[in-house]
N, C-alpha and C. Protein backbone atom coordinates (compact mmCIF):
# COMPACT_ATOMS: atom_id res chain seq x y z
N MET A 1 87.75 225.04 80.40
CA MET A 1 87.87 225.24 81.83
C MET A 1 87.34 224.03 82.59
N MET A 2 86.20 223.48 82.18
CA MET A 2 85.62 222.32 82.85
C MET A 2 86.53 221.11 82.72
N ARG A 3 87.18 220.99 81.56
CA ARG A 3 88.08 219.86 81.37
C ARG A 3 89.26 219.95 82.34
N TRP A 4 89.77 221.12 82.51
CA TRP A 4 90.89 221.32 83.44
C TRP A 4 90.46 221.00 84.87
N PHE A 5 89.24 221.40 85.25
CA PHE A 5 88.74 221.15 86.59
C PHE A 5 88.56 219.66 86.83
N ARG A 6 88.00 218.92 85.84
CA ARG A 6 87.83 217.48 85.98
C ARG A 6 89.18 216.78 86.08
N GLN A 7 90.13 217.22 85.30
CA GLN A 7 91.46 216.62 85.34
C GLN A 7 92.13 216.91 86.69
N PHE A 8 91.95 218.11 87.16
CA PHE A 8 92.53 218.48 88.46
C PHE A 8 91.89 217.68 89.60
N ALA A 9 90.58 217.43 89.53
CA ALA A 9 89.87 216.70 90.56
C ALA A 9 90.29 215.23 90.59
N LYS A 10 90.64 214.65 89.45
CA LYS A 10 91.04 213.25 89.39
C LYS A 10 92.51 213.05 89.74
N ASP A 11 93.30 214.08 89.66
CA ASP A 11 94.73 213.97 89.93
C ASP A 11 94.96 213.82 91.44
N GLU A 12 95.67 212.78 91.84
CA GLU A 12 95.89 212.52 93.26
C GLU A 12 97.30 212.89 93.72
N ARG A 13 98.08 213.47 92.87
CA ARG A 13 99.41 213.89 93.29
C ARG A 13 99.28 215.06 94.25
N GLY A 14 99.98 215.00 95.35
CA GLY A 14 99.97 216.09 96.31
C GLY A 14 98.88 216.00 97.36
N VAL A 15 98.09 214.92 97.33
CA VAL A 15 97.00 214.78 98.30
C VAL A 15 97.55 214.66 99.71
N VAL A 16 98.60 213.90 99.86
CA VAL A 16 99.20 213.73 101.19
C VAL A 16 99.72 215.05 101.72
N LEU A 17 100.31 215.84 100.85
CA LEU A 17 100.81 217.15 101.27
C LEU A 17 99.67 218.05 101.73
N ILE A 18 98.58 218.07 101.01
CA ILE A 18 97.43 218.90 101.38
C ILE A 18 96.83 218.41 102.70
N GLU A 19 96.68 217.10 102.86
CA GLU A 19 96.14 216.57 104.11
C GLU A 19 97.05 216.92 105.29
N THR A 20 98.34 216.84 105.06
CA THR A 20 99.29 217.20 106.12
C THR A 20 99.20 218.67 106.46
N LEU A 21 99.10 219.51 105.45
CA LEU A 21 99.00 220.95 105.70
C LEU A 21 97.71 221.31 106.44
N LEU A 22 96.67 220.52 106.27
CA LEU A 22 95.43 220.76 107.01
C LEU A 22 95.48 220.20 108.43
N ALA A 23 96.16 219.07 108.61
CA ALA A 23 96.15 218.40 109.91
C ALA A 23 97.17 218.98 110.90
N ILE A 24 98.33 219.40 110.42
CA ILE A 24 99.40 219.84 111.34
C ILE A 24 98.99 221.04 112.19
N PRO A 25 98.38 222.08 111.66
CA PRO A 25 97.99 223.19 112.55
C PRO A 25 96.99 222.77 113.63
N VAL A 26 96.04 221.91 113.26
CA VAL A 26 95.05 221.46 114.24
C VAL A 26 95.73 220.63 115.33
N LEU A 27 96.59 219.71 114.94
CA LEU A 27 97.28 218.87 115.92
C LEU A 27 98.24 219.68 116.78
N THR A 28 98.87 220.69 116.21
CA THR A 28 99.77 221.55 116.98
C THR A 28 99.00 222.32 118.04
N LEU A 29 97.87 222.90 117.66
CA LEU A 29 97.04 223.62 118.63
C LEU A 29 96.53 222.68 119.72
N LEU A 30 96.15 221.47 119.36
CA LEU A 30 95.69 220.50 120.33
C LEU A 30 96.81 220.13 121.31
N ALA A 31 98.00 219.88 120.80
CA ALA A 31 99.13 219.53 121.66
C ALA A 31 99.50 220.68 122.59
N LEU A 32 99.53 221.90 122.07
CA LEU A 32 99.85 223.05 122.92
C LEU A 32 98.77 223.27 123.99
N GLY A 33 97.53 223.04 123.64
CA GLY A 33 96.45 223.15 124.62
C GLY A 33 96.57 222.13 125.73
N ILE A 34 96.95 220.91 125.38
CA ILE A 34 97.15 219.86 126.38
C ILE A 34 98.31 220.22 127.30
N LEU A 35 99.40 220.72 126.73
CA LEU A 35 100.55 221.12 127.55
C LEU A 35 100.19 222.28 128.48
N GLU A 36 99.43 223.24 127.99
CA GLU A 36 99.02 224.38 128.82
C GLU A 36 98.11 223.92 129.96
N PHE A 37 97.19 223.04 129.65
CA PHE A 37 96.30 222.51 130.68
C PHE A 37 97.09 221.75 131.74
N GLY A 38 98.07 220.97 131.31
CA GLY A 38 98.92 220.25 132.26
C GLY A 38 99.70 221.20 133.15
N ASN A 39 100.22 222.28 132.58
CA ASN A 39 100.94 223.28 133.37
C ASN A 39 100.01 223.94 134.38
N MET A 40 98.79 224.23 133.96
CA MET A 40 97.82 224.84 134.87
C MET A 40 97.50 223.90 136.04
N MET A 41 97.31 222.62 135.75
CA MET A 41 97.02 221.66 136.81
C MET A 41 98.22 221.47 137.74
N TRP A 42 99.44 221.54 137.20
CA TRP A 42 100.64 221.43 138.03
C TRP A 42 100.73 222.62 138.99
N GLN A 43 100.46 223.83 138.47
CA GLN A 43 100.50 225.01 139.34
C GLN A 43 99.41 224.94 140.40
N ARG A 44 98.25 224.44 140.06
CA ARG A 44 97.19 224.29 141.07
C ARG A 44 97.60 223.27 142.12
N GLN A 45 98.22 222.19 141.72
CA GLN A 45 98.67 221.19 142.68
C GLN A 45 99.73 221.77 143.61
N GLN A 46 100.62 222.59 143.09
CA GLN A 46 101.63 223.24 143.93
C GLN A 46 100.98 224.22 144.90
N LEU A 47 99.96 224.94 144.45
CA LEU A 47 99.20 225.83 145.33
C LEU A 47 98.56 225.04 146.46
N GLN A 48 97.94 223.91 146.14
CA GLN A 48 97.31 223.07 147.15
C GLN A 48 98.33 222.54 148.15
N SER A 49 99.48 222.10 147.66
CA SER A 49 100.52 221.59 148.56
C SER A 49 101.01 222.68 149.50
N GLY A 50 101.22 223.88 148.98
CA GLY A 50 101.68 224.98 149.82
C GLY A 50 100.68 225.35 150.89
N VAL A 51 99.41 225.42 150.53
CA VAL A 51 98.37 225.77 151.50
C VAL A 51 98.28 224.69 152.58
N LYS A 52 98.31 223.42 152.19
CA LYS A 52 98.24 222.33 153.17
C LYS A 52 99.47 222.34 154.08
N ASP A 53 100.65 222.55 153.53
CA ASP A 53 101.86 222.57 154.35
C ASP A 53 101.82 223.69 155.37
N ALA A 54 101.37 224.88 154.96
CA ALA A 54 101.27 226.01 155.89
C ALA A 54 100.25 225.72 156.98
N ALA A 55 99.13 225.11 156.62
CA ALA A 55 98.10 224.79 157.61
C ALA A 55 98.61 223.75 158.61
N ARG A 56 99.31 222.75 158.13
CA ARG A 56 99.86 221.74 159.04
C ARG A 56 100.87 222.35 159.99
N TYR A 57 101.73 223.21 159.48
CA TYR A 57 102.71 223.89 160.34
C TYR A 57 102.01 224.73 161.39
N TRP A 58 101.05 225.55 160.97
CA TRP A 58 100.38 226.48 161.88
C TRP A 58 99.52 225.73 162.90
N ALA A 59 98.98 224.57 162.52
CA ALA A 59 98.15 223.79 163.44
C ALA A 59 98.97 223.15 164.55
N ARG A 60 100.26 223.04 164.37
CA ARG A 60 101.11 222.42 165.38
C ARG A 60 101.91 223.44 166.19
N CYS A 61 101.65 224.71 165.96
CA CYS A 61 102.38 225.76 166.69
C CYS A 61 101.89 225.87 168.12
N ARG A 62 102.82 226.17 168.99
CA ARG A 62 102.49 226.39 170.39
C ARG A 62 102.49 227.89 170.64
N PRO A 63 101.48 228.39 171.33
CA PRO A 63 101.47 229.83 171.63
C PRO A 63 102.56 230.18 172.62
N LEU A 64 102.99 231.42 172.55
CA LEU A 64 104.00 231.89 173.50
C LEU A 64 103.39 231.98 174.89
N THR A 65 104.20 231.70 175.88
CA THR A 65 103.74 231.81 177.27
C THR A 65 103.81 233.26 177.71
N ALA A 66 103.45 233.51 178.95
CA ALA A 66 103.43 234.89 179.46
C ALA A 66 104.80 235.53 179.40
N ASP A 67 105.85 234.75 179.61
CA ASP A 67 107.20 235.32 179.53
C ASP A 67 107.78 235.25 178.12
N GLU A 68 106.89 235.05 177.12
CA GLU A 68 107.25 235.04 175.70
C GLU A 68 108.25 233.94 175.34
N THR A 69 108.11 232.80 175.97
CA THR A 69 108.93 231.65 175.61
C THR A 69 108.01 230.50 175.21
N ALA A 70 108.53 229.64 174.43
CA ALA A 70 107.80 228.44 174.03
C ALA A 70 108.83 227.40 173.64
N PHE A 71 108.42 226.16 173.71
CA PHE A 71 109.34 225.09 173.34
C PHE A 71 109.81 225.24 171.90
N MET A 72 108.88 225.44 171.00
CA MET A 72 109.21 225.69 169.60
C MET A 72 108.29 226.79 169.10
N PRO A 73 108.67 228.04 169.31
CA PRO A 73 107.79 229.12 168.89
C PRO A 73 107.67 229.18 167.36
N CYS A 74 106.51 229.57 166.92
CA CYS A 74 106.25 229.69 165.48
C CYS A 74 105.90 231.13 165.16
N ASP A 75 106.09 231.49 163.92
CA ASP A 75 105.61 232.80 163.49
C ASP A 75 104.93 232.66 162.13
N ILE A 76 104.06 233.60 161.87
CA ILE A 76 103.24 233.54 160.66
C ILE A 76 104.09 233.71 159.40
N GLY A 77 105.22 234.41 159.52
CA GLY A 77 106.12 234.57 158.37
C GLY A 77 106.71 233.25 157.92
N THR A 78 107.04 232.38 158.89
CA THR A 78 107.55 231.06 158.54
C THR A 78 106.47 230.23 157.85
N ALA A 79 105.25 230.34 158.33
CA ALA A 79 104.14 229.62 157.68
C ALA A 79 103.97 230.08 156.23
N ARG A 80 104.11 231.37 156.00
CA ARG A 80 104.01 231.89 154.63
C ARG A 80 105.16 231.38 153.76
N LEU A 81 106.38 231.37 154.31
CA LEU A 81 107.52 230.85 153.55
C LEU A 81 107.32 229.38 153.20
N ILE A 82 106.79 228.61 154.14
CA ILE A 82 106.53 227.20 153.86
C ILE A 82 105.51 227.06 152.73
N ALA A 83 104.49 227.90 152.75
CA ALA A 83 103.48 227.84 151.68
C ALA A 83 104.07 228.24 150.34
N PHE A 84 104.79 229.36 150.32
CA PHE A 84 105.28 229.90 149.04
C PHE A 84 106.45 229.11 148.46
N THR A 85 107.34 228.61 149.33
CA THR A 85 108.57 227.98 148.82
C THR A 85 108.71 226.51 149.19
N GLY A 86 107.99 226.06 150.21
CA GLY A 86 108.13 224.68 150.65
C GLY A 86 109.22 224.49 151.68
N HIS A 87 109.86 225.57 152.11
CA HIS A 87 110.96 225.47 153.08
C HIS A 87 110.87 226.64 154.05
N PRO A 88 111.10 226.40 155.35
CA PRO A 88 110.98 227.50 156.32
C PRO A 88 112.00 228.61 156.12
N ALA A 89 113.10 228.31 155.48
CA ALA A 89 114.14 229.33 155.27
C ALA A 89 113.93 230.09 153.96
N GLY A 90 112.95 229.70 153.17
CA GLY A 90 112.72 230.36 151.89
C GLY A 90 113.39 229.61 150.75
N GLY A 91 113.33 230.17 149.58
CA GLY A 91 113.89 229.56 148.39
C GLY A 91 113.12 230.02 147.17
N SER A 92 113.15 229.20 146.14
CA SER A 92 112.42 229.57 144.92
C SER A 92 110.93 229.27 145.10
N ALA A 93 110.12 230.06 144.44
CA ALA A 93 108.66 229.95 144.59
C ALA A 93 108.13 228.66 143.99
N ARG A 94 107.16 228.07 144.67
CA ARG A 94 106.51 226.87 144.14
C ARG A 94 105.74 227.20 142.87
N VAL A 95 105.01 228.32 142.91
CA VAL A 95 104.19 228.75 141.78
C VAL A 95 104.70 230.11 141.33
N PRO A 96 105.01 230.28 140.05
CA PRO A 96 105.49 231.59 139.58
C PRO A 96 104.47 232.69 139.88
N GLY A 97 104.93 233.73 140.55
CA GLY A 97 104.06 234.86 140.86
C GLY A 97 103.31 234.74 142.17
N TRP A 98 103.47 233.62 142.88
CA TRP A 98 102.78 233.44 144.16
C TRP A 98 103.77 233.69 145.29
N ASP A 99 103.87 234.94 145.71
CA ASP A 99 104.83 235.27 146.76
C ASP A 99 104.41 236.47 147.60
N ASP A 100 103.22 236.98 147.37
CA ASP A 100 102.75 238.14 148.11
C ASP A 100 101.94 237.68 149.32
N ALA A 101 102.18 238.31 150.48
CA ALA A 101 101.49 237.92 151.71
C ALA A 101 99.98 238.06 151.59
N SER A 102 99.50 238.96 150.74
CA SER A 102 98.06 239.13 150.59
C SER A 102 97.40 237.96 149.86
N GLU A 103 98.20 237.10 149.23
CA GLU A 103 97.66 235.96 148.49
C GLU A 103 97.52 234.71 149.37
N LEU A 104 97.86 234.84 150.66
CA LEU A 104 97.74 233.73 151.60
C LEU A 104 97.14 234.25 152.90
N THR A 105 95.98 233.73 153.25
CA THR A 105 95.30 234.14 154.48
C THR A 105 95.38 233.00 155.48
N ILE A 106 95.90 233.28 156.66
CA ILE A 106 96.02 232.29 157.72
C ILE A 106 95.15 232.75 158.89
N SER A 107 94.25 231.87 159.31
CA SER A 107 93.35 232.21 160.41
C SER A 107 93.34 231.06 161.41
N PRO A 108 93.51 231.31 162.67
CA PRO A 108 93.73 232.58 163.35
C PRO A 108 95.16 233.06 163.13
N GLU A 109 95.38 234.35 163.32
CA GLU A 109 96.70 234.92 163.07
C GLU A 109 97.70 234.58 164.17
N SER A 110 97.24 234.13 165.30
CA SER A 110 98.13 233.64 166.36
C SER A 110 97.51 232.38 166.93
N PRO A 111 98.34 231.44 167.37
CA PRO A 111 97.79 230.19 167.91
C PRO A 111 96.93 230.45 169.14
N PRO A 112 95.88 229.67 169.34
CA PRO A 112 95.03 229.88 170.52
C PRO A 112 95.79 229.60 171.81
N THR A 113 95.53 230.42 172.83
CA THR A 113 96.23 230.23 174.11
C THR A 113 95.67 229.04 174.86
N VAL A 114 94.38 228.82 174.77
CA VAL A 114 93.75 227.67 175.41
C VAL A 114 92.95 226.93 174.34
N PRO A 115 93.60 226.04 173.59
CA PRO A 115 92.88 225.36 172.51
C PRO A 115 91.88 224.34 173.06
N ASP A 116 90.80 224.16 172.31
CA ASP A 116 89.83 223.13 172.65
C ASP A 116 89.50 222.33 171.39
N ASP A 117 88.47 221.52 171.47
CA ASP A 117 88.12 220.66 170.33
C ASP A 117 87.63 221.42 169.12
N THR A 118 87.23 222.67 169.30
CA THR A 118 86.70 223.44 168.18
C THR A 118 87.72 224.41 167.59
N SER A 119 88.95 224.38 168.08
CA SER A 119 89.99 225.28 167.55
C SER A 119 90.42 224.78 166.18
N LEU A 120 90.21 225.61 165.17
CA LEU A 120 90.53 225.24 163.79
C LEU A 120 91.52 226.23 163.19
N VAL A 121 92.31 225.72 162.28
CA VAL A 121 93.23 226.54 161.49
C VAL A 121 92.72 226.49 160.05
N THR A 122 92.54 227.66 159.45
CA THR A 122 92.09 227.75 158.06
C THR A 122 93.10 228.57 157.27
N VAL A 123 93.57 228.01 156.18
CA VAL A 123 94.52 228.70 155.31
C VAL A 123 93.91 228.75 153.91
N THR A 124 93.93 229.94 153.33
CA THR A 124 93.39 230.15 151.98
C THR A 124 94.48 230.76 151.11
N GLY A 125 94.72 230.16 149.96
CA GLY A 125 95.70 230.68 149.01
C GLY A 125 95.04 231.03 147.69
N THR A 126 95.48 232.11 147.09
CA THR A 126 94.96 232.56 145.80
C THR A 126 96.12 233.02 144.95
N VAL A 127 96.10 232.65 143.68
CA VAL A 127 97.15 233.08 142.76
C VAL A 127 96.53 233.26 141.37
N VAL A 128 97.02 234.25 140.65
CA VAL A 128 96.61 234.46 139.26
C VAL A 128 97.53 233.62 138.38
N TYR A 129 96.94 232.76 137.57
CA TYR A 129 97.72 231.86 136.72
C TYR A 129 98.58 232.65 135.74
N ASN A 130 99.82 232.25 135.65
CA ASN A 130 100.78 232.88 134.75
C ASN A 130 100.90 232.00 133.49
N PRO A 131 100.18 232.32 132.41
CA PRO A 131 100.16 231.43 131.25
C PRO A 131 101.42 231.59 130.39
N SER A 132 101.57 230.64 129.48
CA SER A 132 102.64 230.75 128.50
C SER A 132 102.29 231.88 127.53
N PRO A 133 103.29 232.42 126.82
CA PRO A 133 102.99 233.50 125.87
C PRO A 133 101.99 233.08 124.79
N PHE A 134 102.04 231.84 124.37
CA PHE A 134 101.11 231.36 123.34
C PHE A 134 99.68 231.40 123.85
N PHE A 135 99.46 230.86 125.04
CA PHE A 135 98.11 230.84 125.62
C PHE A 135 97.66 232.25 125.96
N GLY A 136 98.57 233.08 126.45
CA GLY A 136 98.23 234.46 126.79
C GLY A 136 97.81 235.27 125.58
N ALA A 137 98.29 234.92 124.40
CA ALA A 137 97.91 235.65 123.19
C ALA A 137 96.46 235.35 122.81
N PHE A 138 95.97 234.16 123.13
CA PHE A 138 94.61 233.79 122.77
C PHE A 138 93.59 234.06 123.88
N TYR A 139 94.03 233.98 125.12
CA TYR A 139 93.10 234.12 126.24
C TYR A 139 93.62 235.22 127.15
N ARG A 140 93.00 236.37 127.09
CA ARG A 140 93.49 237.56 127.80
C ARG A 140 92.98 237.67 129.23
N ALA A 141 91.83 237.11 129.55
CA ALA A 141 91.26 237.25 130.89
C ALA A 141 92.11 236.49 131.91
N PRO A 142 92.38 237.08 133.07
CA PRO A 142 93.19 236.37 134.07
C PRO A 142 92.43 235.18 134.66
N ILE A 143 93.16 234.12 134.91
CA ILE A 143 92.59 232.93 135.54
C ILE A 143 93.08 232.90 136.98
N THR A 144 92.17 232.98 137.92
CA THR A 144 92.53 232.99 139.33
C THR A 144 92.27 231.61 139.91
N MET A 145 93.31 231.05 140.54
CA MET A 145 93.19 229.76 141.19
C MET A 145 93.17 229.99 142.70
N SER A 146 92.26 229.33 143.38
CA SER A 146 92.15 229.46 144.83
C SER A 146 92.02 228.07 145.45
N TYR A 147 92.46 227.98 146.70
CA TYR A 147 92.33 226.73 147.44
C TYR A 147 92.34 227.06 148.92
N TRP A 148 91.52 226.38 149.69
CA TRP A 148 91.55 226.56 151.13
C TRP A 148 91.61 225.20 151.80
N TYR A 149 92.21 225.21 152.98
CA TYR A 149 92.39 223.97 153.73
C TYR A 149 92.14 224.28 155.19
N GLN A 150 91.42 223.39 155.85
CA GLN A 150 91.09 223.59 157.25
C GLN A 150 91.47 222.34 158.03
N THR A 151 92.11 222.54 159.17
CA THR A 151 92.50 221.43 160.02
C THR A 151 92.33 221.83 161.48
N ARG A 152 92.27 220.86 162.33
CA ARG A 152 92.12 221.11 163.76
C ARG A 152 93.45 221.53 164.35
N TYR A 153 93.41 222.46 165.30
CA TYR A 153 94.63 222.89 165.98
C TYR A 153 95.10 221.76 166.89
N LEU A 154 96.36 221.36 166.74
CA LEU A 154 96.89 220.26 167.52
C LEU A 154 97.86 220.71 168.60
N GLY A 155 98.62 221.74 168.32
CA GLY A 155 99.68 222.15 169.25
C GLY A 155 100.79 221.12 169.26
N TRP A 156 101.67 221.19 170.22
CA TRP A 156 102.78 220.23 170.29
C TRP A 156 102.50 219.17 171.30
């Protein structure tokens, strides 16, 4: 038995195959982890862009006058569409699963009638990350991404 073990230990045939079989699973997991992290960062960047776009739109809105007219009236629904889709008319979602009005908070809910230097617009967006099936199998806890943006009210 010892002779067979010594002979087996000195034999180098198949070493490359064994090294490959050990390295490929580790490298595959590493590559998939990098891709998942990149996808997560892309979704966060899209969330940030949507929140900033909605805040910029809402900061430039003019309040309705007493007779309910304005040069370019705005509504909060359009601000939400800009955040969620990037277009005032709607379209496909920037971030998968980010389309519920409760996931985007816009404050104030109507433009100030008499804005001053302290009038601010604050928009907060929150979304639960939608992972790939591979990542979801290993990590079950939901990952919540949030972002808020504040800008001064400018009006038109």
